[in-house]
Amino acid sequence: MALYEHVFLARQDLAQAQVDALAENATKIIEDNNGKVVKTETWGLRSLAYRIAKNRKAHYVMLEIDAPGDVVAELERQTQINEDVIRYMTVRVDEHEAGPTVMMRKGERDRERRRDRDDRGDRGPRRDREEGENN
């Protein structure tokens, strides 16, 4: 069987429970057709680079799949029908990434930076003066 990464973007107005249900539905489609979902990651609500179908943000979900090509075709067919999914992309990969993906590591790194900054007491540049005011 081949290895794939399937990422889909769900509408911004969905609740997290609905997004999880979409991921479970995709998993069910894959498993019903003799495929296997190796890992599921929810990347959360993120801003889009440009507006898609009047959405400025979207819920990102990534599935790592081990399945034959016809299973991926069926998954994409079902995803295309779903009105809650605004974009999707499936890519064949040579191997799945061990551990968390880059997107998950980026979130952890950002949280650590904020925590370190808060521990130092560094709150960023002072905003107590108006621009152009030289005292």
C-alpha atoms as a PDB file:
ATOM      1  CA  MET A   1       0.000   0.000   0.000  1.00  0.00           C
ATOM      2  CA  ALA A   2       1.032   3.586  -0.587  1.00  0.00           C
ATOM      3  CA  LEU A   3       1.518   6.351   1.985  1.00  0.00           C
ATOM      4  CA  TYR A   4      -0.400   9.628   1.733  1.00  0.00           C
ATOM      5  CA  GLU A   5      -0.961  12.850   3.653  1.00  0.00           C
ATOM      6  CA  HIS A   6      -4.473  14.266   3.334  1.00  0.00           C
ATOM      7  CA  VAL A   7      -5.096  17.818   4.580  1.00  0.00           C
ATOM      8  CA  PHE A   8      -8.505  19.450   4.543  1.00  0.00           C
ATOM      9  CA  LEU A   9      -9.758  22.887   5.547  1.00  0.00           C
ATOM     10  CA  ALA A  10     -13.156  23.117   7.217  1.00  0.00           C
ATOM     11  CA  ARG A  11     -15.321  26.241   7.412  1.00  0.00           C
ATOM     12  CA  GLN A  12     -14.492  28.720  10.169  1.00  0.00           C
ATOM     13  CA  ASP A  13     -18.000  28.737  11.667  1.00  0.00           C
ATOM     14  CA  LEU A  14     -17.893  25.036  12.622  1.00  0.00           C
ATOM     15  CA  ALA A  15     -17.457  23.988  16.237  1.00  0.00           C
ATOM     16  CA  GLN A  16     -14.433  21.860  17.124  1.00  0.00           C
ATOM     17  CA  ALA A  17     -16.741  18.876  17.704  1.00  0.00           C
ATOM     18  CA  GLN A  18     -18.003  19.175  14.122  1.00  0.00           C
ATOM     19  CA  VAL A  19     -14.440  19.332  12.801  1.00  0.00           C
ATOM     20  CA  ASP A  20     -13.589  16.204  14.807  1.00  0.00           C
ATOM     21  CA  ALA A  21     -16.659  14.517  13.297  1.00  0.00           C
ATOM     22  CA  LEU A  22     -15.376  15.361   9.791  1.00  0.00           C
ATOM     23  CA  ALA A  23     -12.028  13.753  10.648  1.00  0.00           C
ATOM     24  CA  GLU A  24     -13.796  10.665  12.025  1.00  0.00           C
ATOM     25  CA  ASN A  25     -15.906  10.456   8.864  1.00  0.00           C
ATOM     26  CA  ALA A  26     -12.759  10.546   6.710  1.00  0.00           C
ATOM     27  CA  THR A  27     -11.183   7.865   8.905  1.00  0.00           C
ATOM     28  CA  LYS A  28     -14.297   5.691   8.526  1.00  0.00           C
ATOM     29  CA  ILE A  29     -14.210   6.020   4.720  1.00  0.00           C
ATOM     30  CA  ILE A  30     -10.557   4.947   4.672  1.00  0.00           C
ATOM     31  CA  GLU A  31     -10.987   2.031   7.073  1.00  0.00           C
ATOM     32  CA  ASP A  32     -14.154   0.774   5.325  1.00  0.00           C
ATOM     33  CA  ASN A  33     -12.119   0.492   2.118  1.00  0.00           C
ATOM     34  CA  ASN A  34      -9.247  -1.511   3.680  1.00  0.00           C
ATOM     35  CA  GLY A  35      -6.996   1.452   4.358  1.00  0.00           C
ATOM     36  CA  LYS A  36      -5.423   2.615   7.594  1.00  0.00           C
ATOM     37  CA  VAL A  37      -5.124   6.058   9.203  1.00  0.00           C
ATOM     38  CA  VAL A  38      -1.706   6.192  10.854  1.00  0.00           C
ATOM     39  CA  LYS A  39      -2.091   9.596  12.527  1.00  0.00           C
ATOM     40  CA  THR A  40      -4.602  12.436  12.755  1.00  0.00           C
ATOM     41  CA  GLU A  41      -3.569  15.976  13.687  1.00  0.00           C
ATOM     42  CA  THR A  42      -5.835  18.949  14.191  1.00  0.00           C
ATOM     43  CA  TRP A  43      -3.878  22.132  13.563  1.00  0.00           C
ATOM     44  CA  GLY A  44      -6.685  24.369  14.774  1.00  0.00           C
ATOM     45  CA  LEU A  45      -8.338  27.503  13.446  1.00  0.00           C
ATOM     46  CA  ARG A  46      -5.809  29.406  11.331  1.00  0.00           C
ATOM     47  CA  SER A  47      -5.949  32.476   9.106  1.00  0.00           C
ATOM     48  CA  LEU A  48      -6.032  31.920   5.358  1.00  0.00           C
ATOM     49  CA  ALA A  49      -3.716  33.736   2.964  1.00  0.00           C
ATOM     50  CA  TYR A  50      -6.761  34.827   0.964  1.00  0.00           C
ATOM     51  CA  ARG A  51     -10.514  34.579   1.343  1.00  0.00           C
ATOM     52  CA  ILE A  52     -12.054  31.263   0.219  1.00  0.00           C
ATOM     53  CA  ALA A  53     -15.849  31.109  -0.143  1.00  0.00           C
ATOM     54  CA  LYS A  54     -16.216  34.128   2.192  1.00  0.00           C
ATOM     55  CA  ASN A  55     -14.038  32.482   4.865  1.00  0.00           C
ATOM     56  CA  ARG A  56     -11.018  34.330   6.263  1.00  0.00           C
ATOM     57  CA  LYS A  57     -10.074  31.462   8.583  1.00  0.00           C
ATOM     58  CA  ALA A  58     -10.384  27.681   8.474  1.00  0.00           C
ATOM     59  CA  HIS A  59      -9.931  24.644  10.695  1.00  0.00           C
ATOM     60  CA  TYR A  60      -6.952  22.606   9.441  1.00  0.00           C
ATOM     61  CA  VAL A  61      -6.858  18.801   9.825  1.00  0.00           C
ATOM     62  CA  MET A  62      -4.165  16.421   8.551  1.00  0.00           C
ATOM     63  CA  LEU A  63      -4.460  12.635   8.179  1.00  0.00           C
ATOM     64  CA  GLU A  64      -1.530  10.324   7.507  1.00  0.00           C
ATOM     65  CA  ILE A  65      -2.891   7.421   5.454  1.00  0.00           C
ATOM     66  CA  ASP A  66      -1.595   3.991   4.462  1.00  0.00           C
ATOM     67  CA  ALA A  67      -3.948   2.847   1.702  1.00  0.00           C
ATOM     68  CA  PRO A  68      -4.210   1.931  -1.978  1.00  0.00           C
ATOM     69  CA  GLY A  69      -4.946   4.642  -4.554  1.00  0.00           C
ATOM     70  CA  ASP A  70      -8.618   3.760  -5.035  1.00  0.00           C
ATOM     71  CA  VAL A  71      -9.263   4.470  -1.333  1.00  0.00           C
ATOM     72  CA  VAL A  72      -7.786   7.946  -1.754  1.00  0.00           C
ATOM     73  CA  ALA A  73      -9.970   8.510  -4.813  1.00  0.00           C
ATOM     74  CA  GLU A  74     -13.070   7.588  -2.779  1.00  0.00           C
ATOM     75  CA  LEU A  75     -11.972   9.813   0.116  1.00  0.00           C
ATOM     76  CA  GLU A  76     -11.486  12.760  -2.236  1.00  0.00           C
ATOM     77  CA  ARG A  77     -14.854  12.103  -3.890  1.00  0.00           C
ATOM     78  CA  GLN A  78     -16.628  12.138  -0.514  1.00  0.00           C
ATOM     79  CA  THR A  79     -14.670  15.205   0.642  1.00  0.00           C
ATOM     80  CA  GLN A  80     -15.595  17.092  -2.525  1.00  0.00           C
ATOM     81  CA  ILE A  81     -19.300  16.516  -1.835  1.00  0.00           C
ATOM     82  CA  ASN A  82     -19.119  17.796   1.754  1.00  0.00           C
ATOM     83  CA  GLU A  83     -20.136  21.469   2.003  1.00  0.00           C
ATOM     84  CA  ASP A  84     -18.244  21.964   5.290  1.00  0.00           C
ATOM     85  CA  VAL A  85     -14.877  21.335   3.593  1.00  0.00           C
ATOM     86  CA  ILE A  86     -13.656  24.366   1.636  1.00  0.00           C
ATOM     87  CA  ARG A  87     -10.315  22.915   0.402  1.00  0.00           C
ATOM     88  CA  TYR A  88      -8.451  19.628   0.508  1.00  0.00           C
ATOM     89  CA  MET A  89      -5.216  18.202  -0.813  1.00  0.00           C
ATOM     90  CA  THR A  90      -3.783  14.697  -0.832  1.00  0.00           C
ATOM     91  CA  VAL A  91      -0.077  14.106  -1.427  1.00  0.00           C
ATOM     92  CA  ARG A  92       1.732  10.808  -1.828  1.00  0.00           C
ATOM     93  CA  VAL A  93       4.816  10.595   0.403  1.00  0.00           C
ATOM     94  CA  ASP A  94       7.746   8.190   0.603  1.00  0.00           C
ATOM     95  CA  GLU A  95       7.468   7.889   4.394  1.00  0.00           C
ATOM     96  CA  HIS A  96       5.483   9.428   7.212  1.00  0.00           C
ATOM     97  CA  GLU A  97       7.192  11.874   9.522  1.00  0.00           C
ATOM     98  CA  ALA A  98       8.003  10.421  12.936  1.00  0.00           C
ATOM     99  CA  GLY A  99       6.611  12.394  15.862  1.00  0.00           C
ATOM    100  CA  PRO A 100       4.641  15.611  15.531  1.00  0.00           C
ATOM    101  CA  THR A 101       4.585  17.435  12.199  1.00  0.00           C
ATOM    102  CA  VAL A 102       6.204  20.812  11.598  1.00  0.00           C
ATOM    103  CA  MET A 103       2.879  22.573  12.171  1.00  0.00           C
ATOM    104  CA  MET A 104       2.521  21.043  15.638  1.00  0.00           C
ATOM    105  CA  ARG A 105       6.156  21.777  16.565  1.00  0.00           C
ATOM    106  CA  LYS A 106       5.706  25.405  15.486  1.00  0.00           C
ATOM    107  CA  GLY A 107       2.833  25.833  17.955  1.00  0.00           C
ATOM    108  CA  GLU A 108       4.924  24.369  20.780  1.00  0.00           C
ATOM    109  CA  ARG A 109       7.864  26.626  19.899  1.00  0.00           C
ATOM    110  CA  ASP A 110       5.619  29.721  19.905  1.00  0.00           C
ATOM    111  CA  ARG A 111       4.178  28.797  23.323  1.00  0.00           C
ATOM    112  CA  GLU A 112       7.696  28.332  24.746  1.00  0.00           C
ATOM    113  CA  ARG A 113       8.774  31.736  23.426  1.00  0.00           C
ATOM    114  CA  ARG A 114       5.759  33.434  24.996  1.00  0.00           C
ATOM    115  CA  ARG A 115       6.400  31.673  28.313  1.00  0.00           C
ATOM    116  CA  ASP A 116      10.086  32.696  28.268  1.00  0.00           C
ATOM    117  CA  ARG A 117       9.187  36.287  27.421  1.00  0.00           C
ATOM    118  CA  ASP A 118       6.622  36.405  30.251  1.00  0.00           C
ATOM    119  CA  ASP A 119       9.168  34.962  32.712  1.00  0.00           C
ATOM    120  CA  ARG A 120      11.662  37.693  31.821  1.00  0.00           C
ATOM    121  CA  GLY A 121       9.016  40.371  32.190  1.00  0.00           C
ATOM    122  CA  ASP A 122       9.632  41.523  28.611  1.00  0.00           C
ATOM    123  CA  ARG A 123       6.315  42.731  27.295  1.00  0.00           C
ATOM    124  CA  GLY A 124       7.636  44.212  24.054  1.00  0.00           C
ATOM    125  CA  PRO A 125       8.016  47.869  23.038  1.00  0.00           C
ATOM    126  CA  ARG A 126       6.461  50.561  25.209  1.00  0.00           C
ATOM    127  CA  ARG A 127       3.337  52.135  23.797  1.00  0.00           C
ATOM    128  CA  ASP A 128       2.879  54.889  26.383  1.00  0.00           C
ATOM    129  CA  ARG A 129       4.117  57.667  24.071  1.00  0.00           C
ATOM    130  CA  GLU A 130       2.384  58.917  20.991  1.00  0.00           C
ATOM    131  CA  GLU A 131       4.221  58.486  17.689  1.00  0.00           C
ATOM    132  CA  GLY A 132       6.267  61.498  16.700  1.00  0.00           C
ATOM    133  CA  GLU A 133       6.525  62.756  20.280  1.00  0.00           C
ATOM    134  CA  ASN A 134      10.136  63.384  21.251  1.00  0.00           C
ATOM    135  CA  ASN A 135      10.641  64.117  24.963  1.00  0.00           C
END
